[in-house]
Amino acid sequence: MADVTPRPVQWLWHDRVATGRLSLLVGQPGVGKSYLTADMAARISTGRPWPDGSPCERGSVLLLSAEDDPADTLRPRLDAHDADVSRVVAMTGSYFDNADPDDADMTVTLADVAMIEDALRELDNCRLIVVDPIGSYLGGRTDAHRDNEVRSVLAPIAKLAEKYGPAVLCVAHRRKSAGRAADDMALGSRAFTGIARSVWHLSVDTDDDSRRLLLPGKNNLAPRQHGLAYRITGNPGVLQWDPKPVTMSADDALAKENDGQDAGQSAHDEAKAWLADYLVTGPRPAKEIKQDAKRDGIAERTVDRAAKSLNVDRGRDGLTGPWVWRLPEDPQVLAKEPSTRQENPLACTRNVGEYTETADRVRMQI
């Protein structure tokens, strides 16, 4: 450490979102996460202060948005927030001049580090990269529930951010089940919250469903800041920030959401959501499932009850193979867990056939 030169943390949004680092924004679908990122992009593109009054350096923004169309969604929202759209760039894919016309346009994932680096080189003072939602940019071969696989994708992007200086804000969906710690509610592996230097949670105010709360979770680089609140008004919507700070944390808000619920039922619902998310990419060995459930704080008996509630198929992989668990082949049963497919909508469509084929093979062997 004697060879390391100390330096202060650099901030995009002082004490809230650091430059050159990964941050995470977690929220349920429909609470306004993309409206918030549009507001942030507009402030950066024009240099307007942040909602708490802290200064914002003017620069460029790179958007990787898988769920919002640039023409009918992104651009109108940026215009509504008075963004300088010449400084906001949406990276929608890659194009190869020498490729076959049918294969020229390719989707981008976070594994395309060189491609993202090329884009950063072309931008003037890129201050923020938005990845929305993070699950859509991991790539088809990355299991969002495996810490080592998630870290292998996020670590190179973190290095890229450190090299070029922008903050990277990864948007993640929240589990729909009840929980006790807000940072554990991000859909997928705990590596998402582990590698992020700060985690922010967006939720609906339980006392006013038109009000949104931006509340602090983990922050490794600064003291915990107070929360903020806003409403979405107009069409297209624009954020109207509440000048008064919100004194509760994300854990406080989650506890308030769960107030009055039966604790055993909450644990059961959490295990069901965890297991449905875990199995959405295909059958998994039972031993591995129970080990990972224990790692995530879910008791073996609870995960067994969750499997029964989800009608999980449990049997040997072949005549002498290990015991495996798989989601039921009935698409109507799979449809009961909509949140598990929003991160990777193609995964369920692809795997329904795999589950059916595997189940038929097991029945024939029996």
Protein backbone atom coordinates (compact mmCIF):
# COMPACT_ATOMS: atom_id res chain seq x y z
CA MET A 1 0.00 0.00 0.00
CA ALA A 2 3.01 2.32 0.32
CA ASP A 3 3.10 2.40 -3.49
CA VAL A 4 -0.56 3.48 -3.75
CA THR A 5 -1.29 7.20 -4.06
CA PRO A 6 -4.45 8.06 -2.11
CA ARG A 7 -7.09 10.13 -3.88
CA PRO A 8 -10.54 11.40 -2.93
CA VAL A 9 -13.71 9.82 -4.30
CA GLN A 10 -15.11 11.69 -7.30
CA TRP A 11 -18.86 12.17 -7.44
CA LEU A 12 -21.48 12.43 -10.15
CA TRP A 13 -24.10 13.22 -7.49
CA HIS A 14 -22.30 14.19 -4.29
CA ASP A 15 -22.27 11.40 -1.70
CA ARG A 16 -24.94 9.52 -3.66
CA VAL A 17 -23.55 8.29 -6.99
CA ALA A 18 -19.78 8.09 -7.52
CA THR A 19 -18.05 8.48 -10.88
CA GLY A 20 -15.88 5.62 -12.04
CA ARG A 21 -17.95 3.18 -9.97
CA LEU A 22 -21.04 1.00 -10.30
CA SER A 23 -24.25 1.98 -8.53
CA LEU A 24 -27.54 0.09 -8.44
CA LEU A 25 -31.12 1.37 -8.68
CA VAL A 26 -33.66 -1.22 -7.50
CA GLY A 27 -37.43 -1.02 -7.86
CA GLN A 28 -40.55 -2.88 -8.86
CA PRO A 29 -41.77 -2.56 -12.47
CA GLY A 30 -43.88 0.53 -13.05
CA VAL A 31 -42.61 2.69 -10.19
CA GLY A 32 -40.78 5.12 -12.50
CA LYS A 33 -37.16 3.95 -12.68
CA SER A 34 -36.74 5.02 -16.30
CA TYR A 35 -38.35 8.40 -15.56
CA LEU A 36 -35.72 8.89 -12.88
CA THR A 37 -32.87 8.02 -15.27
CA ALA A 38 -34.35 10.45 -17.83
CA ASP A 39 -34.31 13.18 -15.20
CA MET A 40 -30.69 12.36 -14.33
CA ALA A 41 -29.65 12.35 -17.99
CA ALA A 42 -31.34 15.72 -18.55
CA ARG A 43 -29.53 17.30 -15.59
CA ILE A 44 -26.15 15.98 -16.73
CA SER A 45 -26.68 17.07 -20.34
CA THR A 46 -27.47 20.63 -19.27
CA GLY A 47 -25.48 20.95 -16.04
CA ARG A 48 -28.54 21.73 -13.91
CA PRO A 49 -28.17 21.04 -10.17
CA TRP A 50 -29.34 17.81 -8.61
CA PRO A 51 -32.68 17.74 -6.74
CA ASP A 52 -30.95 18.23 -3.37
CA GLY A 53 -29.21 21.37 -4.69
CA SER A 54 -25.74 19.87 -5.14
CA PRO A 55 -23.91 20.88 -8.35
CA CYS A 56 -23.95 18.71 -11.47
CA GLU A 57 -21.09 18.85 -13.97
CA ARG A 58 -22.26 19.03 -17.58
CA GLY A 59 -21.38 16.10 -19.80
CA SER A 60 -22.70 13.28 -21.96
CA VAL A 61 -24.81 10.23 -21.14
CA LEU A 62 -24.76 6.75 -22.69
CA LEU A 63 -28.06 4.83 -22.48
CA LEU A 64 -28.39 1.06 -22.81
CA SER A 65 -32.14 0.62 -22.58
CA ALA A 66 -33.71 -2.70 -23.51
CA GLU A 67 -37.32 -1.98 -22.51
CA ASP A 68 -37.98 1.56 -23.82
CA ASP A 69 -38.20 2.57 -27.47
CA PRO A 70 -35.91 5.51 -28.35
CA ALA A 71 -38.51 7.25 -30.53
CA ASP A 72 -41.78 7.00 -28.61
CA THR A 73 -40.47 6.71 -25.06
CA LEU A 74 -36.89 7.83 -24.44
CA ARG A 75 -36.87 10.98 -26.58
CA PRO A 76 -40.26 12.31 -25.35
CA ARG A 77 -39.24 11.79 -21.73
CA LEU A 78 -35.90 13.53 -22.28
CA ASP A 79 -37.66 16.43 -24.01
CA ALA A 80 -40.13 16.70 -21.13
CA HIS A 81 -37.17 17.06 -18.75
CA ASP A 82 -35.54 19.72 -21.01
CA ALA A 83 -32.51 17.59 -21.84
CA ASP A 84 -29.86 18.58 -24.36
CA VAL A 85 -30.49 15.50 -26.48
CA SER A 86 -27.32 16.09 -28.51
CA ARG A 87 -25.45 14.95 -25.40
CA VAL A 88 -27.53 11.81 -24.76
CA VAL A 89 -26.69 8.74 -26.85
CA ALA A 90 -28.65 5.48 -26.95
CA MET A 91 -26.59 2.42 -27.82
CA THR A 92 -29.10 0.10 -29.45
CA GLY A 93 -26.84 -2.41 -31.19
CA SER A 94 -23.79 -2.98 -33.33
CA TYR A 95 -23.37 -2.88 -37.08
CA PHE A 96 -20.76 -4.69 -39.16
CA ASP A 97 -20.20 -3.39 -42.69
CA ASN A 98 -18.85 -6.68 -44.01
CA ALA A 99 -21.59 -8.84 -42.51
CA ASP A 100 -24.53 -10.43 -44.23
CA PRO A 101 -27.43 -7.89 -44.28
CA ASP A 102 -29.54 -10.20 -42.12
CA ASP A 103 -26.78 -10.40 -39.50
CA ALA A 104 -25.48 -6.84 -39.62
CA ASP A 105 -27.44 -5.57 -36.62
CA MET A 106 -26.49 -7.27 -33.39
CA THR A 107 -27.66 -6.69 -29.84
CA VAL A 108 -25.19 -5.40 -27.27
CA THR A 109 -24.40 -7.00 -23.91
CA LEU A 110 -22.03 -5.95 -21.15
CA ALA A 111 -19.67 -8.63 -22.43
CA ASP A 112 -19.03 -6.36 -25.45
CA VAL A 113 -16.50 -4.33 -23.47
CA ALA A 114 -14.49 -3.23 -26.52
CA MET A 115 -17.64 -2.01 -28.25
CA ILE A 116 -18.75 0.00 -25.22
CA GLU A 117 -15.24 1.41 -24.89
CA ASP A 118 -15.36 2.56 -28.53
CA ALA A 119 -18.61 4.38 -27.76
CA LEU A 120 -17.07 6.06 -24.70
CA ARG A 121 -14.13 7.30 -26.76
CA GLU A 122 -16.51 9.05 -29.13
CA LEU A 123 -18.48 10.84 -26.39
CA ASP A 124 -17.45 14.20 -24.99
CA ASN A 125 -16.97 13.88 -21.22
CA CYS A 126 -19.29 10.94 -20.64
CA ARG A 127 -20.50 11.28 -17.05
CA LEU A 128 -23.06 8.47 -16.84
CA ILE A 129 -23.82 5.06 -18.35
CA VAL A 130 -27.33 3.77 -17.69
CA VAL A 131 -27.94 0.01 -18.05
CA ASP A 132 -31.71 -0.59 -17.94
CA PRO A 133 -32.45 -3.29 -16.89
CA ILE A 134 -29.20 -4.98 -15.97
CA GLY A 135 -30.62 -8.48 -16.52
CA SER A 136 -31.16 -7.82 -20.22
CA TYR A 137 -27.48 -7.02 -20.76
CA LEU A 138 -25.80 -9.95 -19.03
CA GLY A 139 -25.86 -12.11 -22.14
CA GLY A 140 -27.71 -15.36 -22.73
CA ARG A 141 -25.03 -17.56 -21.16
CA THR A 142 -24.81 -15.70 -17.86
CA ASP A 143 -26.84 -17.05 -14.96
CA ALA A 144 -28.09 -14.02 -13.03
CA HIS A 145 -28.17 -16.11 -9.83
CA ARG A 146 -24.50 -17.12 -9.93
CA ASP A 147 -22.19 -14.72 -8.12
CA ASN A 148 -19.10 -15.70 -10.10
CA GLU A 149 -20.89 -15.38 -13.46
CA VAL A 150 -22.42 -12.00 -12.60
CA ARG A 151 -19.09 -10.69 -11.32
CA SER A 152 -17.30 -11.90 -14.46
CA VAL A 153 -19.59 -9.63 -16.52
CA LEU A 154 -19.75 -6.63 -14.18
CA ALA A 155 -16.05 -6.49 -13.21
CA PRO A 156 -14.79 -5.50 -16.71
CA ILE A 157 -17.44 -2.76 -16.90
CA ALA A 158 -16.34 -1.52 -13.48
CA LYS A 159 -12.76 -1.36 -14.78
CA LEU A 160 -13.95 0.52 -17.86
CA ALA A 161 -15.77 3.02 -15.66
CA GLU A 162 -12.65 3.49 -13.55
CA LYS A 163 -10.56 4.07 -16.68
CA TYR A 164 -12.84 6.58 -18.41
CA GLY A 165 -14.58 8.11 -15.40
CA PRO A 166 -18.35 7.78 -15.95
CA ALA A 167 -20.66 6.52 -13.26
CA VAL A 168 -22.44 3.29 -14.21
CA LEU A 169 -26.03 3.08 -12.98
CA CYS A 170 -27.48 -0.42 -13.29
CA VAL A 171 -31.26 -0.62 -13.03
CA ALA A 172 -32.60 -3.82 -11.47
CA HIS A 173 -36.09 -5.18 -10.90
CA ARG A 174 -37.11 -5.96 -7.36
CA ARG A 175 -38.40 -9.30 -6.16
CA LYS A 176 -42.15 -9.22 -5.68
CA SER A 177 -42.06 -11.25 -2.47
CA ALA A 178 -41.74 -9.93 1.06
CA GLY A 179 -38.29 -9.57 2.57
CA ARG A 180 -36.44 -8.13 5.51
CA ALA A 181 -33.40 -6.35 4.01
CA ALA A 182 -33.98 -4.02 1.07
CA ASP A 183 -30.60 -4.73 -0.54
CA ASP A 184 -31.49 -8.43 -0.71
CA MET A 185 -34.58 -7.62 -2.79
CA ALA A 186 -32.70 -7.05 -6.06
CA LEU A 187 -33.69 -9.75 -8.53
CA GLY A 188 -30.87 -12.25 -9.08
CA SER A 189 -27.50 -12.81 -7.44
CA ARG A 190 -26.26 -10.87 -4.44
CA ALA A 191 -23.25 -10.00 -6.60
CA PHE A 192 -25.30 -7.10 -8.02
CA THR A 193 -25.44 -5.37 -4.64
CA GLY A 194 -22.01 -6.68 -3.71
CA ILE A 195 -20.11 -5.06 -6.57
CA ALA A 196 -22.15 -1.83 -6.50
CA ARG A 197 -20.65 0.91 -4.34
CA SER A 198 -24.05 2.44 -3.62
CA VAL A 199 -27.56 1.05 -3.84
CA TRP A 200 -30.70 3.16 -4.16
CA HIS A 201 -34.25 1.88 -3.87
CA LEU A 202 -37.30 3.31 -5.59
CA SER A 203 -40.71 2.49 -4.14
CA VAL A 204 -44.27 3.75 -3.89
CA ASP A 205 -45.12 5.70 -0.74
CA THR A 206 -47.50 3.45 1.22
CA ASP A 207 -49.34 6.56 2.46
CA ASP A 208 -49.68 8.18 -1.00
CA ASP A 209 -49.59 5.98 -4.11
CA SER A 210 -48.87 8.96 -6.38
CA ARG A 211 -45.62 9.67 -4.53
CA ARG A 212 -42.33 7.90 -5.21
CA LEU A 213 -39.58 7.46 -2.64
CA LEU A 214 -35.88 7.30 -3.57
CA LEU A 215 -34.31 5.77 -0.48
CA PRO A 216 -30.75 4.82 0.47
CA GLY A 217 -29.49 1.30 0.87
CA LYS A 218 -25.84 0.35 0.90
CA ASN A 219 -23.20 3.07 0.48
CA ASN A 220 -19.53 2.09 0.78
CA LEU A 221 -18.05 5.47 -0.14
CA ALA A 222 -19.93 8.07 1.92
CA PRO A 223 -22.18 8.45 4.96
CA ARG A 224 -25.77 7.40 4.33
CA GLN A 225 -27.74 10.27 2.82
CA HIS A 226 -31.38 11.15 3.39
CA GLY A 227 -34.00 9.99 0.93
CA LEU A 228 -35.88 12.04 -1.63
CA ALA A 229 -39.43 12.00 -2.99
CA TYR A 230 -41.08 12.99 -6.25
CA ARG A 231 -44.26 12.73 -8.27
CA ILE A 232 -44.64 12.03 -11.99
CA THR A 233 -46.90 14.61 -13.61
CA GLY A 234 -47.99 15.43 -17.16
CA ASN A 235 -47.90 13.46 -20.40
CA PRO A 236 -45.19 12.57 -21.16
CA GLY A 237 -44.41 12.41 -17.49
CA VAL A 238 -41.93 14.68 -15.79
CA LEU A 239 -40.56 14.46 -12.25
CA GLN A 240 -41.66 17.04 -9.69
CA TRP A 241 -39.30 16.75 -6.73
CA ASP A 242 -40.43 17.31 -3.17
CA PRO A 243 -38.09 19.86 -1.50
CA LYS A 244 -38.40 18.14 1.88
CA PRO A 245 -35.97 15.29 2.62
CA VAL A 246 -37.25 11.82 3.47
CA THR A 247 -35.73 10.55 6.70
CA MET A 248 -36.46 6.83 6.35
CA SER A 249 -34.10 4.27 4.82
CA ALA A 250 -34.95 1.61 2.26
CA ASP A 251 -35.08 -0.98 5.06
CA ASP A 252 -37.55 1.23 6.97
CA ALA A 253 -39.79 1.47 3.91
CA LEU A 254 -39.65 -2.28 3.32
CA ALA A 255 -40.57 -2.95 6.94
CA LYS A 256 -43.52 -0.59 6.56
CA GLU A 257 -44.65 -2.44 3.43
CA ASN A 258 -44.47 -5.71 5.32
CA ASP A 259 -46.20 -4.36 8.43
CA GLY A 260 -48.97 -6.67 9.53
CA GLN A 261 -47.96 -9.58 7.33
CA ASP A 262 -47.45 -13.01 8.82
CA ALA A 263 -43.71 -13.62 9.13
CA GLY A 264 -43.96 -17.30 8.13
CA GLN A 265 -45.99 -16.44 5.07
CA SER A 266 -43.48 -13.74 4.10
CA ALA A 267 -40.62 -16.24 4.29
CA HIS A 268 -42.62 -18.69 2.21
CA ASP A 269 -43.43 -16.07 -0.46
CA GLU A 270 -39.81 -14.98 -0.55
CA ALA A 271 -38.68 -18.57 -1.06
CA LYS A 272 -41.22 -19.07 -3.85
CA ALA A 273 -40.01 -16.01 -5.71
CA TRP A 274 -36.38 -17.01 -5.16
CA LEU A 275 -36.96 -20.54 -6.44
CA ALA A 276 -38.96 -19.42 -9.47
CA ASP A 277 -36.19 -16.99 -10.40
CA TYR A 278 -33.55 -19.66 -9.80
CA LEU A 279 -35.17 -22.28 -12.02
CA VAL A 280 -36.26 -20.02 -14.87
CA THR A 281 -33.05 -20.79 -16.82
CA GLY A 282 -33.62 -24.53 -16.65
CA PRO A 283 -33.46 -27.64 -14.43
CA ARG A 284 -30.90 -27.58 -11.59
CA PRO A 285 -29.52 -30.27 -9.23
CA ALA A 286 -31.45 -30.44 -5.97
CA LYS A 287 -28.26 -30.46 -3.88
CA GLU A 288 -27.04 -27.28 -5.59
CA ILE A 289 -30.40 -25.57 -5.10
CA LYS A 290 -30.46 -26.25 -1.37
CA GLN A 291 -26.85 -25.12 -0.95
CA ASP A 292 -27.55 -21.82 -2.71
CA ALA A 293 -30.81 -21.36 -0.81
CA LYS A 294 -28.93 -21.79 2.49
CA ARG A 295 -26.35 -19.27 1.29
CA ASP A 296 -29.18 -16.80 0.64
CA GLY A 297 -30.70 -17.35 4.07
CA ILE A 298 -33.56 -19.69 3.06
CA ALA A 299 -34.05 -22.78 5.20
CA GLU A 300 -34.19 -26.20 3.53
CA ARG A 301 -37.69 -26.84 4.85
CA THR A 302 -38.87 -23.49 3.48
CA VAL A 303 -37.48 -24.10 0.00
CA ASP A 304 -39.11 -27.57 0.01
CA ARG A 305 -42.47 -25.93 0.82
CA ALA A 306 -41.89 -23.38 -1.92
CA ALA A 307 -41.18 -26.15 -4.43
CA LYS A 308 -44.45 -27.85 -3.50
CA SER A 309 -46.39 -24.57 -3.89
CA LEU A 310 -44.87 -23.98 -7.34
CA ASN A 311 -45.56 -27.60 -8.42
CA VAL A 312 -41.86 -28.03 -9.16
CA ASP A 313 -41.04 -31.33 -10.89
CA ARG A 314 -38.50 -33.25 -8.80
CA GLY A 315 -36.86 -36.42 -10.09
CA ARG A 316 -33.68 -38.04 -11.31
CA ASP A 317 -31.91 -36.80 -14.40
CA GLY A 318 -32.08 -40.06 -16.29
CA LEU A 319 -32.05 -43.47 -14.61
CA THR A 320 -28.93 -42.99 -12.49
CA GLY A 321 -28.34 -39.23 -12.59
CA PRO A 322 -28.65 -36.82 -9.68
CA TRP A 323 -31.99 -35.51 -8.46
CA VAL A 324 -32.96 -32.34 -10.30
CA TRP A 325 -35.70 -29.76 -9.92
CA ARG A 326 -37.43 -28.09 -12.84
CA LEU A 327 -40.33 -25.71 -13.25
CA PRO A 328 -43.59 -27.35 -14.34
CA GLU A 329 -44.13 -27.76 -18.05
CA ASP A 330 -47.55 -26.09 -17.96
CA PRO A 331 -47.09 -22.53 -19.38
CA GLN A 332 -50.06 -21.36 -17.30
CA VAL A 333 -48.17 -22.25 -14.14
CA LEU A 334 -45.09 -20.41 -15.37
CA ALA A 335 -47.25 -17.37 -16.11
CA LYS A 336 -48.00 -17.03 -12.39
CA GLU A 337 -44.48 -15.65 -11.87
CA PRO A 338 -44.38 -12.67 -14.30
CA SER A 339 -41.56 -10.83 -12.52
CA THR A 340 -39.13 -13.69 -13.15
CA ARG A 341 -39.39 -13.17 -16.91
CA GLN A 342 -38.94 -9.40 -17.10
CA GLU A 343 -35.16 -9.61 -16.75
CA ASN A 344 -34.89 -12.06 -19.69
CA PRO A 345 -38.22 -12.52 -21.47
CA LEU A 346 -36.71 -14.92 -24.00
CA ALA A 347 -35.52 -17.33 -21.31
CA CYS A 348 -38.97 -18.60 -20.33
CA THR A 349 -40.15 -18.89 -23.92
CA ARG A 350 -37.06 -20.90 -24.79
CA ASN A 351 -37.11 -23.11 -21.72
CA VAL A 352 -40.81 -24.09 -21.73
CA GLY A 353 -39.97 -26.48 -24.56
CA GLU A 354 -36.90 -27.73 -22.70
CA TYR A 355 -38.94 -28.50 -19.60
CA THR A 356 -41.54 -30.37 -21.67
CA GLU A 357 -38.91 -32.38 -23.51
CA THR A 358 -37.07 -33.30 -20.31
CA ALA A 359 -40.28 -34.27 -18.51
CA ASP A 360 -41.36 -36.48 -21.42
CA ARG A 361 -37.96 -38.20 -21.43
CA VAL A 362 -38.14 -38.90 -17.68
CA ARG A 363 -41.65 -40.34 -18.00
CA MET A 364 -40.51 -42.64 -20.84
CA GLN A 365 -37.54 -43.85 -18.77
CA ILE A 366 -39.77 -44.52 -15.78
